[in-house]
Amino acid sequence: MTTASTTRLTSEGAATFIRANTALMRPPHVPEIALYLADEAHDLWHRTEEELAEIGLPPPFWAFAWAGGQGLARYVLDHPGTVASKHVLDFASGSGLVAIAAMQADAVSVVGADIDPFCEAAIRLNAGANDVTIGFEGADLVGHDGGWDVVLAGDVFYEKPFADRLVPWFEKLRARGADVLVGDPGRSYLPRERLEKLATYEVPVTRALEDAEVKRTTVWRFA
């Protein structure tokens, strides 16, 4: 297994680490898409969390198909008009699941944005496995406007400080005409009063991470 010390610094090292610790699988709610995912969720999470912590990197969120992302990807594939012929930002992209769904639904372009440095390699590998091309942005984009037609965000309202930054940004993007869609499995800081419900799904998840086998997940649009 590649250790954290070898991933300290190159995208190739990150890709090697991902290949060594994951397997190409299909998320249960979005079987159209193949991703490099952890097959032993609990063990991988703790093993890589400890190793990555040694060099100051976050836990491997990119190694799992979270409920909010699966629900949002499902909605995009089932409603391709949401992104077709549009420029799309997949915010907090993680594995790139939602970004891949947007490309499969005929978006003109998709950028996956995530501040986790491993996500660039994860998204590149997963995009390649699905024969699509996805751009990547590793900067913190909150507060910025790249002129996107659609902004997609899966499972982002899990912490209050982060939610407090996201809400005004999403509202500003919506006010200038962008479509902002969120996939959420009932996280604590979801601003429901600002949202319009689009669809609800029962999404299979990993009990080791979610303390459940199925999460009721809703796709919302900022109104």
Protein backbone atom coordinates (compact mmCIF):
# COMPACT_ATOMS: atom_id res chain seq x y z
CA MET A 1 0.00 0.00 0.00
CA THR A 2 1.27 3.46 -0.81
CA THR A 3 1.86 5.43 2.35
CA ALA A 4 0.94 9.01 3.04
CA SER A 5 4.56 10.06 2.80
CA THR A 6 4.69 9.09 -0.87
CA THR A 7 1.53 11.10 -1.63
CA ARG A 8 2.96 14.21 -0.02
CA LEU A 9 3.22 15.89 -3.14
CA THR A 10 2.45 14.81 -6.64
CA SER A 11 -0.81 14.13 -8.38
CA GLU A 12 0.68 10.83 -9.54
CA GLY A 13 1.35 9.86 -5.93
CA ALA A 14 -2.26 10.66 -5.03
CA ALA A 15 -3.52 8.59 -7.95
CA THR A 16 -1.34 5.67 -6.87
CA PHE A 17 -2.66 5.93 -3.33
CA ILE A 18 -6.26 5.94 -4.59
CA ARG A 19 -5.76 2.90 -6.83
CA ALA A 20 -4.11 1.00 -3.96
CA ASN A 21 -6.91 1.67 -1.48
CA THR A 22 -10.06 1.50 -3.57
CA ALA A 23 -11.80 -0.62 -6.19
CA LEU A 24 -13.79 0.41 -9.26
CA MET A 25 -17.44 0.05 -8.22
CA ARG A 26 -20.88 1.40 -9.10
CA PRO A 27 -22.85 3.34 -6.45
CA PRO A 28 -26.15 1.52 -5.78
CA HIS A 29 -28.37 4.52 -6.58
CA VAL A 30 -26.41 5.55 -9.68
CA PRO A 31 -25.25 2.31 -11.35
CA GLU A 32 -24.62 4.13 -14.62
CA ILE A 33 -21.42 5.55 -13.12
CA ALA A 34 -18.25 3.71 -12.07
CA LEU A 35 -16.06 5.17 -9.30
CA TYR A 36 -12.93 4.25 -7.40
CA LEU A 37 -14.49 3.69 -3.97
CA ALA A 38 -13.52 2.13 -0.67
CA ASP A 39 -14.94 -1.37 -0.40
CA GLU A 40 -14.16 -1.65 3.31
CA ALA A 41 -15.45 1.73 4.38
CA HIS A 42 -14.76 1.73 8.09
CA ASP A 43 -11.25 0.26 7.86
CA LEU A 44 -10.16 2.46 4.98
CA TRP A 45 -11.57 5.56 6.60
CA HIS A 46 -9.63 5.08 9.81
CA ARG A 47 -6.46 3.82 8.16
CA THR A 48 -6.20 6.66 5.68
CA GLU A 49 -7.47 9.22 8.17
CA GLU A 50 -4.54 8.40 10.45
CA GLU A 51 -2.00 8.34 7.62
CA LEU A 52 -3.23 11.54 6.01
CA ALA A 53 -3.39 13.32 9.36
CA GLU A 54 0.37 12.87 9.63
CA ILE A 55 0.83 15.28 6.73
CA GLY A 56 -2.10 17.53 7.60
CA LEU A 57 -4.58 16.33 4.97
CA PRO A 58 -8.30 15.69 5.53
CA PRO A 59 -10.06 12.30 5.76
CA PRO A 60 -10.81 10.52 2.46
CA PHE A 61 -14.28 11.90 1.68
CA TRP A 62 -13.45 11.24 -1.99
CA ALA A 63 -13.53 7.47 -1.38
CA PHE A 64 -17.26 7.22 -0.70
CA ALA A 65 -20.48 7.87 -2.61
CA TRP A 66 -22.34 9.99 -0.05
CA ALA A 67 -26.13 10.06 0.01
CA GLY A 68 -26.49 13.69 -1.04
CA GLY A 69 -24.26 13.18 -4.05
CA GLN A 70 -26.00 9.98 -5.11
CA GLY A 71 -29.40 11.65 -4.92
CA LEU A 72 -28.24 14.69 -6.85
CA ALA A 73 -26.52 12.58 -9.51
CA ARG A 74 -29.69 10.50 -9.89
CA TYR A 75 -31.77 13.63 -10.37
CA VAL A 76 -29.40 15.03 -13.00
CA LEU A 77 -29.39 11.77 -14.98
CA ASP A 78 -33.18 11.49 -14.79
CA HIS A 79 -33.69 15.18 -15.69
CA PRO A 80 -30.92 15.91 -18.21
CA GLY A 81 -32.49 19.23 -19.16
CA THR A 82 -31.19 20.51 -15.84
CA VAL A 83 -27.65 20.67 -17.21
CA ALA A 84 -27.81 19.92 -20.94
CA SER A 85 -25.96 22.53 -23.05
CA LYS A 86 -24.94 24.40 -19.88
CA HIS A 87 -21.74 25.24 -18.02
CA VAL A 88 -21.79 23.52 -14.64
CA LEU A 89 -19.93 23.77 -11.34
CA ASP A 90 -19.97 20.71 -9.09
CA PHE A 91 -19.08 22.27 -5.74
CA ALA A 92 -17.41 20.13 -3.03
CA SER A 93 -17.11 17.51 -5.74
CA GLY A 94 -15.30 14.78 -3.78
CA SER A 95 -15.17 11.74 -6.03
CA GLY A 96 -16.66 13.67 -8.95
CA LEU A 97 -19.86 11.59 -8.97
CA VAL A 98 -22.21 14.52 -9.60
CA ALA A 99 -19.83 16.09 -12.11
CA ILE A 100 -19.73 12.85 -14.10
CA ALA A 101 -23.53 12.65 -14.06
CA ALA A 102 -23.70 16.20 -15.43
CA MET A 103 -21.35 15.34 -18.29
CA GLN A 104 -23.35 12.20 -19.06
CA ALA A 105 -26.45 14.42 -19.17
CA ASP A 106 -24.81 16.52 -21.93
CA ALA A 107 -23.49 19.54 -20.06
CA VAL A 108 -21.21 21.67 -22.24
CA SER A 109 -18.56 21.72 -19.53
CA VAL A 110 -18.24 20.74 -15.88
CA VAL A 111 -15.75 21.87 -13.27
CA GLY A 112 -15.36 19.82 -10.10
CA ALA A 113 -14.28 22.04 -7.21
CA ASP A 114 -12.85 20.75 -3.94
CA ILE A 115 -10.18 22.01 -1.56
CA ASP A 116 -9.04 18.46 -0.71
CA PRO A 117 -5.85 17.99 -2.77
CA PHE A 118 -6.61 14.31 -3.31
CA CYS A 119 -9.83 15.13 -5.16
CA GLU A 120 -8.06 16.27 -8.30
CA ALA A 121 -6.59 12.78 -8.74
CA ALA A 122 -9.84 11.08 -7.71
CA ILE A 123 -11.90 13.12 -10.16
CA ARG A 124 -9.40 12.56 -12.96
CA LEU A 125 -9.40 8.79 -12.38
CA ASN A 126 -13.19 8.59 -12.11
CA ALA A 127 -13.75 10.79 -15.15
CA GLY A 128 -11.45 8.55 -17.15
CA ALA A 129 -13.30 5.43 -15.98
CA ASN A 130 -16.49 6.96 -17.42
CA ASP A 131 -15.01 8.42 -20.61
CA VAL A 132 -15.83 12.03 -19.79
CA THR A 133 -13.70 15.15 -19.34
CA ILE A 134 -14.06 17.22 -16.18
CA GLY A 135 -12.13 20.32 -15.18
CA PHE A 136 -10.85 20.79 -11.63
CA GLU A 137 -10.54 23.77 -9.30
CA GLY A 138 -8.77 23.35 -5.97
CA ALA A 139 -9.29 26.87 -4.63
CA ASP A 140 -12.02 27.85 -2.16
CA LEU A 141 -14.65 29.21 -4.55
CA VAL A 142 -17.16 30.37 -1.93
CA GLY A 143 -18.03 33.96 -2.78
CA HIS A 144 -16.72 33.75 -6.34
CA ASP A 145 -18.69 33.68 -9.57
CA GLY A 146 -17.32 31.80 -12.55
CA GLY A 147 -20.32 32.51 -14.74
CA TRP A 148 -21.71 28.99 -14.33
CA ASP A 149 -25.25 28.30 -15.56
CA VAL A 150 -25.79 25.59 -12.95
CA VAL A 151 -24.19 24.97 -9.55
CA LEU A 152 -24.59 21.50 -8.03
CA ALA A 153 -23.72 20.72 -4.40
CA GLY A 154 -24.13 17.35 -2.70
CA ASP A 155 -24.14 17.00 1.09
CA VAL A 156 -22.66 20.39 2.01
CA PHE A 157 -24.79 21.56 4.97
CA TYR A 158 -23.18 19.46 7.68
CA GLU A 159 -21.49 22.25 9.69
CA LYS A 160 -22.95 25.60 10.72
CA PRO A 161 -19.92 27.79 9.90
CA PHE A 162 -19.75 26.30 6.42
CA ALA A 163 -23.51 26.62 5.91
CA ASP A 164 -23.34 30.27 6.99
CA ARG A 165 -20.83 30.91 4.20
CA LEU A 166 -22.69 28.92 1.56
CA VAL A 167 -26.19 30.33 1.90
CA PRO A 168 -25.43 33.96 0.92
CA TRP A 169 -23.16 32.78 -1.89
CA PHE A 170 -25.78 30.43 -3.31
CA GLU A 171 -28.44 33.13 -3.01
CA LYS A 172 -26.24 35.62 -4.86
CA LEU A 173 -25.63 33.11 -7.66
CA ARG A 174 -29.35 32.39 -7.86
CA ALA A 175 -30.19 36.10 -7.95
CA ARG A 176 -28.04 36.66 -11.03
CA GLY A 177 -29.69 33.72 -12.81
CA ALA A 178 -27.74 30.56 -11.99
CA ASP A 179 -29.66 27.42 -11.10
CA VAL A 180 -28.43 26.13 -7.71
CA LEU A 181 -29.33 22.54 -6.80
CA VAL A 182 -28.49 20.77 -3.56
CA GLY A 183 -28.63 17.07 -2.64
CA ASP A 184 -29.14 16.57 1.09
CA PRO A 185 -29.98 13.56 3.33
CA GLY A 186 -31.28 15.64 6.23
CA ARG A 187 -28.14 17.39 7.45
CA SER A 188 -28.62 19.72 10.39
CA TYR A 189 -27.95 23.07 8.73
CA LEU A 190 -29.93 22.76 5.50
CA PRO A 191 -31.76 26.11 4.95
CA ARG A 192 -35.12 24.54 4.07
CA GLU A 193 -36.98 27.86 4.19
CA ARG A 194 -34.96 29.05 1.19
CA LEU A 195 -35.44 25.91 -0.89
CA GLU A 196 -37.86 24.32 -3.31
CA LYS A 197 -38.15 20.52 -3.17
CA LEU A 198 -37.59 18.76 -6.50
CA ALA A 199 -37.35 15.04 -5.71
CA THR A 200 -36.84 12.59 -2.83
CA TYR A 201 -35.01 9.26 -2.97
CA GLU A 202 -34.23 6.35 -0.66
CA VAL A 203 -30.47 6.02 -1.11
CA PRO A 204 -28.47 2.97 0.05
CA VAL A 205 -25.43 4.04 2.07
CA THR A 206 -22.59 2.62 4.15
CA ARG A 207 -23.70 1.93 7.72
CA ALA A 208 -20.16 2.38 9.01
CA LEU A 209 -20.25 6.04 7.98
CA GLU A 210 -23.93 6.99 8.17
CA ASP A 211 -25.22 4.71 10.96
CA ALA A 212 -27.95 3.58 8.55
CA GLU A 213 -28.34 1.40 5.48
CA VAL A 214 -30.67 3.80 3.66
CA LYS A 215 -30.84 7.60 3.84
CA ARG A 216 -33.88 9.53 2.70
CA THR A 217 -32.30 12.11 0.41
CA THR A 218 -33.92 15.18 -1.14
CA VAL A 219 -32.85 17.29 -4.09
CA TRP A 220 -33.60 20.97 -3.57
CA ARG A 221 -33.38 24.14 -5.65
CA PHE A 222 -32.58 27.54 -4.21
CA ALA A 223 -35.78 29.50 -4.80
